[in-house]
N, C-alpha and C. Protein backbone atom coordinates (compact mmCIF):
# COMPACT_ATOMS: atom_id res chain seq x y z
N MET A 1 183.94 -103.38 37.07
CA MET A 1 182.77 -103.30 37.92
C MET A 1 182.08 -101.93 37.78
N LYS A 2 182.87 -100.87 37.58
CA LYS A 2 182.29 -99.55 37.41
C LYS A 2 181.38 -99.50 36.19
N THR A 3 181.75 -100.16 35.11
CA THR A 3 180.96 -100.15 33.89
C THR A 3 179.59 -100.74 34.14
N ILE A 4 179.49 -101.81 34.86
CA ILE A 4 178.21 -102.46 35.16
C ILE A 4 177.35 -101.54 36.03
N ASN A 5 177.94 -100.87 37.00
CA ASN A 5 177.18 -99.97 37.86
C ASN A 5 176.58 -98.81 37.06
N TYR A 6 177.28 -98.35 36.03
CA TYR A 6 176.76 -97.26 35.22
C TYR A 6 175.73 -97.75 34.20
N LEU A 7 175.87 -98.95 33.72
CA LEU A 7 174.96 -99.48 32.71
C LEU A 7 173.65 -99.98 33.31
N LEU A 8 173.65 -100.43 34.53
CA LEU A 8 172.43 -100.97 35.14
C LEU A 8 171.28 -99.96 35.13
N PRO A 9 171.47 -98.70 35.53
CA PRO A 9 170.35 -97.75 35.46
C PRO A 9 169.88 -97.50 34.02
N ILE A 10 170.79 -97.49 33.07
CA ILE A 10 170.42 -97.27 31.67
C ILE A 10 169.62 -98.45 31.16
N ILE A 11 170.04 -99.65 31.44
CA ILE A 11 169.31 -100.85 31.01
C ILE A 11 167.94 -100.89 31.67
N THR A 12 167.84 -100.52 32.94
CA THR A 12 166.57 -100.49 33.65
C THR A 12 165.62 -99.48 32.99
N CYS A 13 166.11 -98.30 32.64
CA CYS A 13 165.28 -97.28 31.97
C CYS A 13 164.78 -97.77 30.62
N ILE A 14 165.64 -98.41 29.85
CA ILE A 14 165.24 -98.94 28.54
C ILE A 14 164.15 -99.99 28.71
N PHE A 15 164.32 -100.89 29.69
CA PHE A 15 163.32 -101.93 29.95
C PHE A 15 161.99 -101.30 30.33
N LEU A 16 161.99 -100.31 31.21
CA LEU A 16 160.75 -99.66 31.62
C LEU A 16 160.08 -98.95 30.46
N PHE A 17 160.86 -98.31 29.58
CA PHE A 17 160.30 -97.63 28.42
C PHE A 17 159.58 -98.62 27.52
N PHE A 18 160.22 -99.71 27.18
CA PHE A 18 159.60 -100.68 26.29
C PHE A 18 158.47 -101.42 26.97
N ASN A 19 158.56 -101.62 28.26
CA ASN A 19 157.50 -102.30 28.99
C ASN A 19 156.23 -101.45 29.01
N THR A 20 156.35 -100.13 29.09
CA THR A 20 155.17 -99.26 29.11
C THR A 20 154.59 -99.08 27.71
N GLN A 21 155.29 -99.49 26.69
CA GLN A 21 154.82 -99.35 25.32
C GLN A 21 154.08 -100.61 24.84
N ALA A 22 153.79 -101.53 25.73
CA ALA A 22 153.14 -102.79 25.38
C ALA A 22 151.75 -102.53 24.80
N GLN A 23 151.27 -103.48 24.00
CA GLN A 23 149.95 -103.37 23.41
C GLN A 23 148.89 -103.89 24.37
N THR A 24 147.72 -103.29 24.29
CA THR A 24 146.55 -103.79 24.98
C THR A 24 145.74 -104.59 23.97
N ASN A 25 145.32 -105.79 24.32
CA ASN A 25 144.49 -106.62 23.45
C ASN A 25 143.02 -106.30 23.69
N ILE A 26 142.28 -106.04 22.62
CA ILE A 26 140.85 -105.77 22.73
C ILE A 26 140.10 -106.58 21.69
N SER A 27 138.82 -106.82 21.96
CA SER A 27 137.93 -107.46 21.00
C SER A 27 136.51 -107.31 21.49
N GLY A 28 135.56 -107.64 20.65
CA GLY A 28 134.16 -107.58 21.03
C GLY A 28 133.65 -106.18 21.24
N ILE A 29 132.80 -106.00 22.25
CA ILE A 29 132.20 -104.70 22.57
C ILE A 29 133.03 -104.04 23.66
N ILE A 30 133.58 -102.86 23.37
CA ILE A 30 134.44 -102.16 24.33
C ILE A 30 133.76 -100.94 24.94
N ASN A 31 132.59 -100.57 24.44
CA ASN A 31 131.88 -99.39 24.94
C ASN A 31 130.75 -99.79 25.89
N SER A 32 130.40 -98.86 26.78
CA SER A 32 129.19 -98.97 27.59
C SER A 32 128.25 -97.89 27.11
N TYR A 33 126.96 -98.18 27.09
CA TYR A 33 125.95 -97.27 26.55
C TYR A 33 124.87 -97.05 27.60
N ILE A 34 124.37 -95.82 27.69
CA ILE A 34 123.24 -95.54 28.57
C ILE A 34 122.40 -94.43 27.95
N ASP A 35 121.09 -94.53 28.13
CA ASP A 35 120.20 -93.51 27.58
C ASP A 35 120.17 -92.28 28.47
N VAL A 36 120.08 -91.14 27.81
CA VAL A 36 119.99 -89.85 28.50
C VAL A 36 118.51 -89.50 28.61
N THR A 37 118.06 -89.24 29.85
CA THR A 37 116.64 -88.93 30.08
C THR A 37 116.36 -87.44 30.22
N HIS A 38 117.43 -86.66 30.46
CA HIS A 38 117.28 -85.20 30.62
C HIS A 38 118.61 -84.54 30.28
N VAL A 39 118.54 -83.39 29.62
CA VAL A 39 119.73 -82.60 29.30
C VAL A 39 119.56 -81.21 29.90
N ASP A 40 120.55 -80.79 30.70
CA ASP A 40 120.54 -79.45 31.29
C ASP A 40 121.82 -78.74 30.84
N SER A 41 121.73 -78.09 29.68
CA SER A 41 122.90 -77.41 29.12
C SER A 41 123.36 -76.24 29.99
N ALA A 42 122.43 -75.55 30.63
CA ALA A 42 122.77 -74.39 31.45
C ALA A 42 123.65 -74.79 32.63
N ASN A 43 123.40 -75.96 33.19
CA ASN A 43 124.18 -76.43 34.33
C ASN A 43 125.18 -77.52 33.95
N ASN A 44 125.29 -77.78 32.66
CA ASN A 44 126.33 -78.65 32.10
C ASN A 44 126.28 -80.09 32.61
N TYR A 45 125.08 -80.68 32.59
CA TYR A 45 124.97 -82.09 32.98
C TYR A 45 123.84 -82.77 32.23
N VAL A 46 123.87 -84.08 32.27
CA VAL A 46 122.78 -84.90 31.75
C VAL A 46 122.34 -85.85 32.85
N THR A 47 121.09 -86.25 32.77
CA THR A 47 120.57 -87.28 33.66
C THR A 47 120.43 -88.54 32.83
N VAL A 48 120.91 -89.65 33.38
CA VAL A 48 120.85 -90.93 32.69
C VAL A 48 120.01 -91.90 33.52
N SER A 49 119.58 -92.99 32.89
CA SER A 49 118.74 -93.95 33.61
C SER A 49 119.52 -94.67 34.70
N SER A 50 120.83 -94.79 34.55
CA SER A 50 121.69 -95.37 35.59
C SER A 50 123.13 -94.92 35.35
N ALA A 51 123.74 -94.33 36.37
CA ALA A 51 125.13 -93.85 36.24
C ALA A 51 126.14 -94.93 36.61
N SER A 52 125.68 -96.09 37.01
CA SER A 52 126.64 -97.14 37.37
C SER A 52 127.44 -97.54 36.13
N GLY A 53 128.71 -97.77 36.32
CA GLY A 53 129.58 -98.10 35.20
C GLY A 53 130.30 -96.89 34.63
N PHE A 54 129.91 -95.68 35.05
CA PHE A 54 130.58 -94.46 34.62
C PHE A 54 131.40 -93.93 35.79
N SER A 55 132.52 -93.25 35.49
CA SER A 55 133.36 -92.75 36.58
C SER A 55 133.93 -91.38 36.26
N VAL A 56 134.24 -90.64 37.31
CA VAL A 56 134.83 -89.31 37.18
C VAL A 56 136.17 -89.43 36.44
N GLY A 57 136.41 -88.52 35.50
CA GLY A 57 137.63 -88.52 34.71
C GLY A 57 137.52 -89.31 33.42
N GLU A 58 136.43 -90.03 33.25
CA GLU A 58 136.24 -90.87 32.07
C GLU A 58 135.82 -90.03 30.87
N LYS A 59 136.33 -90.39 29.70
CA LYS A 59 135.96 -89.74 28.45
C LYS A 59 134.69 -90.40 27.93
N ILE A 60 133.76 -89.57 27.44
CA ILE A 60 132.49 -90.09 26.91
C ILE A 60 132.14 -89.38 25.60
N LEU A 61 131.23 -90.00 24.87
CA LEU A 61 130.62 -89.41 23.69
C LEU A 61 129.15 -89.18 24.00
N LEU A 62 128.70 -87.95 23.84
CA LEU A 62 127.29 -87.58 23.98
C LEU A 62 126.76 -87.42 22.57
N ILE A 63 125.70 -88.16 22.21
CA ILE A 63 125.23 -88.12 20.83
C ILE A 63 123.71 -88.26 20.77
N GLN A 64 123.09 -87.43 19.90
CA GLN A 64 121.65 -87.55 19.65
C GLN A 64 121.45 -88.33 18.38
N MET A 65 120.71 -89.42 18.47
CA MET A 65 120.59 -90.37 17.38
C MET A 65 119.41 -90.10 16.45
N GLN A 66 118.36 -89.50 16.95
CA GLN A 66 117.15 -89.32 16.15
C GLN A 66 116.58 -87.91 16.32
N GLY A 67 115.47 -87.64 15.63
CA GLY A 67 114.77 -86.39 15.83
C GLY A 67 114.51 -85.56 14.58
N ALA A 68 115.11 -85.94 13.46
CA ALA A 68 114.91 -85.16 12.25
C ALA A 68 113.47 -85.25 11.77
N SER A 69 112.98 -84.16 11.18
CA SER A 69 111.65 -84.14 10.58
C SER A 69 111.81 -84.33 9.08
N ILE A 70 110.96 -85.19 8.50
CA ILE A 70 111.04 -85.42 7.06
C ILE A 70 109.70 -85.09 6.41
N ASP A 71 109.76 -84.88 5.11
CA ASP A 71 108.55 -84.66 4.31
C ASP A 71 107.84 -86.01 4.20
N LYS A 72 106.59 -86.06 4.68
CA LYS A 72 105.83 -87.32 4.66
C LYS A 72 104.72 -87.30 3.61
N SER A 73 104.76 -86.29 2.73
CA SER A 73 103.73 -86.19 1.70
C SER A 73 103.90 -87.29 0.66
N GLN A 74 102.81 -87.66 0.04
CA GLN A 74 102.84 -88.66 -1.03
C GLN A 74 103.29 -87.98 -2.32
N SER A 75 104.59 -87.67 -2.35
CA SER A 75 105.13 -86.97 -3.51
C SER A 75 106.58 -87.39 -3.71
N VAL A 76 107.21 -86.84 -4.73
CA VAL A 76 108.61 -87.13 -4.98
C VAL A 76 109.51 -86.56 -3.89
N ASP A 77 108.96 -85.68 -3.06
CA ASP A 77 109.73 -85.08 -1.97
C ASP A 77 109.72 -85.93 -0.69
N TYR A 78 108.99 -87.05 -0.71
CA TYR A 78 108.90 -87.89 0.48
C TYR A 78 110.32 -88.26 0.96
N GLY A 79 110.56 -88.07 2.26
CA GLY A 79 111.85 -88.42 2.84
C GLY A 79 112.84 -87.27 2.89
N THR A 80 112.52 -86.17 2.22
CA THR A 80 113.41 -85.01 2.27
C THR A 80 113.45 -84.48 3.70
N ILE A 81 114.66 -84.23 4.20
CA ILE A 81 114.81 -83.71 5.57
C ILE A 81 114.37 -82.26 5.59
N LEU A 82 113.40 -81.97 6.46
CA LEU A 82 112.89 -80.62 6.61
C LEU A 82 113.61 -79.87 7.73
N ASN A 83 113.95 -80.60 8.80
CA ASN A 83 114.64 -79.99 9.94
C ASN A 83 115.39 -81.09 10.68
N TYR A 84 116.66 -80.88 10.96
CA TYR A 84 117.46 -81.88 11.67
C TYR A 84 117.11 -81.96 13.15
N ASN A 85 116.57 -80.89 13.74
CA ASN A 85 116.14 -80.90 15.14
C ASN A 85 117.18 -81.51 16.09
N ASN A 86 118.42 -81.16 15.92
CA ASN A 86 119.53 -81.61 16.78
C ASN A 86 119.97 -83.05 16.52
N SER A 87 119.29 -83.77 15.65
CA SER A 87 119.74 -85.15 15.38
C SER A 87 121.13 -85.09 14.74
N GLY A 88 121.97 -85.98 15.16
CA GLY A 88 123.34 -86.01 14.66
C GLY A 88 124.30 -85.17 15.47
N ASN A 89 123.79 -84.35 16.39
CA ASN A 89 124.69 -83.58 17.26
C ASN A 89 125.47 -84.54 18.15
N TYR A 90 126.75 -84.27 18.31
CA TYR A 90 127.58 -85.10 19.19
C TYR A 90 128.75 -84.28 19.68
N GLU A 91 129.34 -84.74 20.76
CA GLU A 91 130.56 -84.12 21.28
C GLU A 91 131.23 -85.07 22.26
N PHE A 92 132.54 -84.93 22.35
CA PHE A 92 133.31 -85.66 23.35
C PHE A 92 133.38 -84.81 24.60
N GLN A 93 133.24 -85.44 25.75
CA GLN A 93 133.28 -84.76 27.03
C GLN A 93 134.09 -85.61 28.01
N THR A 94 134.40 -85.00 29.15
CA THR A 94 135.04 -85.72 30.25
C THR A 94 134.17 -85.52 31.48
N ILE A 95 133.90 -86.60 32.19
CA ILE A 95 133.05 -86.54 33.38
C ILE A 95 133.84 -85.90 34.53
N CYS A 96 133.26 -84.87 35.14
CA CYS A 96 133.93 -84.23 36.29
C CYS A 96 133.24 -84.55 37.60
N ASN A 97 131.96 -84.96 37.56
CA ASN A 97 131.25 -85.27 38.79
C ASN A 97 130.04 -86.14 38.47
N ILE A 98 129.69 -87.00 39.41
CA ILE A 98 128.48 -87.82 39.29
C ILE A 98 127.73 -87.69 40.60
N GLN A 99 126.47 -87.25 40.50
CA GLN A 99 125.59 -87.14 41.68
C GLN A 99 124.32 -87.90 41.36
N GLY A 100 124.15 -89.06 41.97
CA GLY A 100 123.01 -89.91 41.65
C GLY A 100 123.10 -90.33 40.20
N ASN A 101 122.08 -90.00 39.42
CA ASN A 101 122.09 -90.30 37.98
C ASN A 101 122.40 -89.08 37.13
N ASN A 102 122.88 -88.01 37.76
CA ASN A 102 123.31 -86.81 37.04
C ASN A 102 124.80 -86.90 36.78
N ILE A 103 125.19 -86.73 35.52
CA ILE A 103 126.59 -86.78 35.12
C ILE A 103 126.98 -85.39 34.62
N TYR A 104 127.95 -84.78 35.32
CA TYR A 104 128.42 -83.43 35.02
C TYR A 104 129.69 -83.50 34.18
N PHE A 105 129.87 -82.52 33.29
CA PHE A 105 131.00 -82.49 32.38
C PHE A 105 131.98 -81.38 32.73
N ILE A 106 133.24 -81.59 32.38
CA ILE A 106 134.29 -80.58 32.59
C ILE A 106 134.07 -79.38 31.68
N HIS A 107 133.78 -79.63 30.41
CA HIS A 107 133.62 -78.56 29.42
C HIS A 107 132.15 -78.25 29.20
N ASN A 108 131.86 -76.99 28.87
CA ASN A 108 130.49 -76.62 28.54
C ASN A 108 130.04 -77.37 27.30
N MET A 109 128.77 -77.75 27.27
CA MET A 109 128.23 -78.44 26.11
C MET A 109 128.25 -77.51 24.90
N LEU A 110 128.61 -78.07 23.76
CA LEU A 110 128.71 -77.30 22.53
C LEU A 110 127.41 -77.24 21.75
N HIS A 111 126.54 -78.23 21.95
CA HIS A 111 125.33 -78.35 21.14
C HIS A 111 124.10 -78.50 22.01
N ASP A 112 122.94 -78.36 21.39
CA ASP A 112 121.67 -78.62 22.04
C ASP A 112 121.28 -80.06 21.78
N TYR A 113 120.56 -80.65 22.72
CA TYR A 113 120.10 -82.03 22.60
C TYR A 113 118.68 -82.11 23.12
N ASP A 114 117.89 -83.01 22.55
CA ASP A 114 116.53 -83.26 23.01
C ASP A 114 116.46 -84.71 23.47
N ALA A 115 116.41 -84.92 24.78
CA ALA A 115 116.45 -86.27 25.34
C ALA A 115 115.31 -87.15 24.84
N ALA A 116 114.22 -86.55 24.35
CA ALA A 116 113.11 -87.33 23.82
C ALA A 116 113.46 -88.00 22.49
N ASP A 117 114.57 -87.60 21.88
CA ASP A 117 114.95 -88.11 20.56
C ASP A 117 116.22 -88.95 20.60
N ALA A 118 116.25 -89.92 21.52
CA ALA A 118 117.31 -90.93 21.58
C ALA A 118 118.71 -90.33 21.72
N VAL A 119 118.94 -89.66 22.84
CA VAL A 119 120.28 -89.18 23.18
C VAL A 119 120.92 -90.25 24.05
N GLN A 120 122.18 -90.58 23.76
CA GLN A 120 122.87 -91.57 24.56
C GLN A 120 124.26 -91.10 24.96
N LEU A 121 124.75 -91.69 26.03
CA LEU A 121 126.09 -91.45 26.54
C LEU A 121 126.87 -92.75 26.34
N ILE A 122 128.06 -92.64 25.74
CA ILE A 122 128.86 -93.83 25.41
C ILE A 122 130.26 -93.64 25.97
N THR A 123 130.77 -94.64 26.69
CA THR A 123 132.14 -94.56 27.18
C THR A 123 133.11 -94.62 26.00
N VAL A 124 134.21 -93.89 26.11
CA VAL A 124 135.25 -93.87 25.08
C VAL A 124 136.54 -94.39 25.70
N PRO A 125 136.85 -95.67 25.51
CA PRO A 125 138.12 -96.15 26.05
C PRO A 125 139.29 -95.52 25.32
N VAL A 126 140.33 -95.16 26.08
CA VAL A 126 141.51 -94.52 25.51
C VAL A 126 142.68 -95.48 25.70
N TYR A 127 143.35 -95.79 24.60
CA TYR A 127 144.47 -96.73 24.61
C TYR A 127 145.72 -96.05 24.07
N ASN A 128 146.88 -96.57 24.45
CA ASN A 128 148.12 -96.13 23.86
C ASN A 128 148.34 -96.96 22.59
N ASN A 129 148.77 -98.18 22.72
CA ASN A 129 148.94 -99.10 21.60
C ASN A 129 147.96 -100.24 21.80
N VAL A 130 147.23 -100.60 20.75
CA VAL A 130 146.19 -101.60 20.90
C VAL A 130 146.23 -102.61 19.75
N LEU A 131 145.93 -103.85 20.08
CA LEU A 131 145.85 -104.94 19.10
C LEU A 131 144.46 -105.53 19.19
N ILE A 132 143.75 -105.56 18.06
CA ILE A 132 142.46 -106.25 18.01
C ILE A 132 142.79 -107.73 17.91
N ASN A 133 142.42 -108.48 18.94
CA ASN A 133 142.88 -109.87 19.08
C ASN A 133 141.74 -110.72 19.63
N ASN A 134 141.66 -111.96 19.22
CA ASN A 134 140.66 -112.92 19.71
C ASN A 134 139.23 -112.55 19.32
N GLY A 135 139.04 -111.96 18.18
CA GLY A 135 137.70 -111.61 17.70
C GLY A 135 137.63 -110.19 17.20
N ASP A 136 136.68 -109.95 16.30
CA ASP A 136 136.49 -108.62 15.73
C ASP A 136 136.04 -107.63 16.80
N LEU A 137 136.28 -106.37 16.53
CA LEU A 137 135.80 -105.27 17.35
C LEU A 137 134.42 -104.88 16.82
N THR A 138 133.44 -104.68 17.71
CA THR A 138 132.09 -104.40 17.27
C THR A 138 131.38 -103.49 18.27
N SER A 139 130.11 -103.24 18.05
CA SER A 139 129.31 -102.41 18.96
C SER A 139 128.09 -103.19 19.40
N SER A 140 127.43 -102.69 20.43
CA SER A 140 126.11 -103.22 20.77
C SER A 140 125.16 -102.84 19.66
N PRO A 141 124.20 -103.67 19.34
CA PRO A 141 123.26 -103.29 18.28
C PRO A 141 122.35 -102.15 18.74
N TRP A 142 121.94 -101.32 17.79
CA TRP A 142 120.99 -100.25 18.07
C TRP A 142 119.68 -100.89 18.48
N ASN A 143 119.15 -100.52 19.65
CA ASN A 143 117.90 -101.10 20.14
C ASN A 143 116.76 -100.09 20.15
N GLY A 144 116.95 -98.95 19.50
CA GLY A 144 115.95 -97.89 19.49
C GLY A 144 116.22 -96.83 20.54
N THR A 145 117.14 -97.12 21.48
CA THR A 145 117.49 -96.18 22.54
C THR A 145 119.00 -96.01 22.65
N THR A 146 119.74 -97.11 22.63
CA THR A 146 121.20 -97.07 22.76
C THR A 146 121.84 -98.07 21.82
N GLY A 147 123.16 -97.93 21.67
CA GLY A 147 123.93 -98.85 20.83
C GLY A 147 124.14 -98.29 19.44
N GLY A 148 124.66 -99.16 18.57
CA GLY A 148 124.85 -98.80 17.18
C GLY A 148 126.08 -97.95 16.89
N VAL A 149 126.91 -97.70 17.90
CA VAL A 149 128.09 -96.85 17.73
C VAL A 149 129.29 -97.55 18.35
N LEU A 150 130.41 -97.53 17.64
CA LEU A 150 131.68 -98.00 18.17
C LEU A 150 132.61 -96.81 18.20
N VAL A 151 133.20 -96.52 19.37
CA VAL A 151 134.09 -95.37 19.48
C VAL A 151 135.24 -95.73 20.42
N LEU A 152 136.45 -95.33 20.03
CA LEU A 152 137.64 -95.50 20.85
C LEU A 152 138.65 -94.46 20.46
N GLU A 153 139.62 -94.24 21.33
CA GLU A 153 140.72 -93.32 21.03
C GLU A 153 142.02 -94.10 21.21
N VAL A 154 142.88 -94.02 20.19
CA VAL A 154 144.19 -94.68 20.24
C VAL A 154 145.24 -93.61 20.01
N THR A 155 146.11 -93.41 21.00
CA THR A 155 147.12 -92.37 20.89
C THR A 155 148.40 -92.88 20.22
N GLY A 156 148.56 -94.19 20.17
CA GLY A 156 149.75 -94.79 19.55
C GLY A 156 149.37 -95.54 18.29
N THR A 157 149.52 -96.85 18.32
CA THR A 157 149.29 -97.70 17.16
C THR A 157 148.06 -98.57 17.36
N LEU A 158 147.21 -98.61 16.32
CA LEU A 158 146.07 -99.53 16.29
C LEU A 158 146.44 -100.64 15.32
N ASP A 159 146.61 -101.86 15.85
CA ASP A 159 147.00 -103.02 15.05
C ASP A 159 145.80 -103.95 14.92
N PHE A 160 145.37 -104.18 13.68
CA PHE A 160 144.22 -105.04 13.44
C PHE A 160 144.59 -106.52 13.54
N GLY A 161 145.88 -106.85 13.44
CA GLY A 161 146.26 -108.25 13.40
C GLY A 161 145.53 -108.92 12.25
N VAL A 162 144.80 -109.99 12.54
CA VAL A 162 144.00 -110.67 11.50
C VAL A 162 142.52 -110.39 11.70
N GLN A 163 142.19 -109.50 12.63
CA GLN A 163 140.80 -109.20 12.97
C GLN A 163 140.32 -107.99 12.19
N ASN A 164 139.04 -107.65 12.38
CA ASN A 164 138.41 -106.52 11.71
C ASN A 164 137.61 -105.69 12.71
N ILE A 165 137.18 -104.54 12.25
CA ILE A 165 136.13 -103.80 12.92
C ILE A 165 134.88 -104.09 12.11
N ASP A 166 133.88 -104.70 12.75
CA ASP A 166 132.68 -105.12 12.03
C ASP A 166 131.43 -104.72 12.83
N VAL A 167 130.74 -103.73 12.34
CA VAL A 167 129.48 -103.30 12.95
C VAL A 167 128.31 -103.55 12.00
N THR A 168 128.47 -104.51 11.12
CA THR A 168 127.43 -104.85 10.15
C THR A 168 126.12 -105.18 10.87
N GLY A 169 125.05 -104.51 10.48
CA GLY A 169 123.74 -104.77 11.06
C GLY A 169 123.56 -104.24 12.47
N LYS A 170 124.49 -103.46 12.98
CA LYS A 170 124.41 -102.97 14.37
C LYS A 170 123.79 -101.59 14.47
N GLY A 171 123.72 -100.85 13.36
CA GLY A 171 123.19 -99.49 13.39
C GLY A 171 121.70 -99.45 13.18
N PHE A 172 121.21 -98.32 12.66
CA PHE A 172 119.78 -98.18 12.42
C PHE A 172 119.30 -99.28 11.49
N ARG A 173 118.11 -99.76 11.76
CA ARG A 173 117.53 -100.77 10.88
C ARG A 173 117.01 -100.08 9.62
N GLY A 174 117.05 -100.76 8.53
CA GLY A 174 116.56 -100.20 7.28
C GLY A 174 115.04 -100.14 7.25
N GLY A 175 114.53 -99.42 6.32
CA GLY A 175 113.08 -99.35 6.16
C GLY A 175 112.55 -100.63 5.56
N ALA A 176 111.28 -100.88 5.78
CA ALA A 176 110.65 -102.09 5.24
C ALA A 176 110.52 -101.97 3.73
N VAL A 177 110.74 -103.07 3.06
CA VAL A 177 110.60 -103.10 1.61
C VAL A 177 109.13 -103.36 1.27
N ILE A 178 108.61 -102.51 0.42
CA ILE A 178 107.22 -102.67 -0.02
C ILE A 178 107.24 -102.90 -1.52
N GLN A 179 106.66 -103.99 -1.94
CA GLN A 179 106.60 -104.28 -3.38
C GLN A 179 105.27 -103.77 -3.92
N LEU A 180 105.39 -102.97 -4.93
CA LEU A 180 104.19 -102.43 -5.56
C LEU A 180 103.77 -103.33 -6.71
N VAL A 181 102.52 -103.57 -6.79
CA VAL A 181 101.97 -104.36 -7.89
C VAL A 181 101.28 -103.38 -8.83
N LEU A 182 101.81 -103.27 -10.03
CA LEU A 182 101.21 -102.37 -11.03
C LEU A 182 100.17 -103.12 -11.83
N MET A 183 99.08 -102.51 -12.04
CA MET A 183 98.02 -103.17 -12.80
C MET A 183 97.84 -102.52 -14.12
């Protein structure tokens, strides 16, 4: 009887360890997206069109999607980037406070952003062990303001199973094809 009394706590601990290591099943769109209407780097916050769906302690991605200046001359230099103007700037942050539609961050912002050039805030779900199950993992399509990005953090194992990550056609739309007729 003494042996059972000593083994029961050990068996219970092993069960709890393996039970907490279970996989989370995910599929489809796992991120929430919202447009940023104002950036205040000095006071370490952004204003969004709606803060609903965001919560204190949540990890987010702040990213500027557009804004680069290109050469528009009718020359071989057409399309050459002249100035990035903060486009492509991004950083991971953690929400420390929400007041109305103002979302404050724990860490100081690392980069400059121009809200007029499609800055968005995206939730970053954090998983221990995850299985992509019951459909591919994807993003919301880019609509000119938000979407087009899939982001997650996995601290343990990411198991694709038989699924994929597929964001085909979800990012920036390509330029229009123009056929030239030579005479």
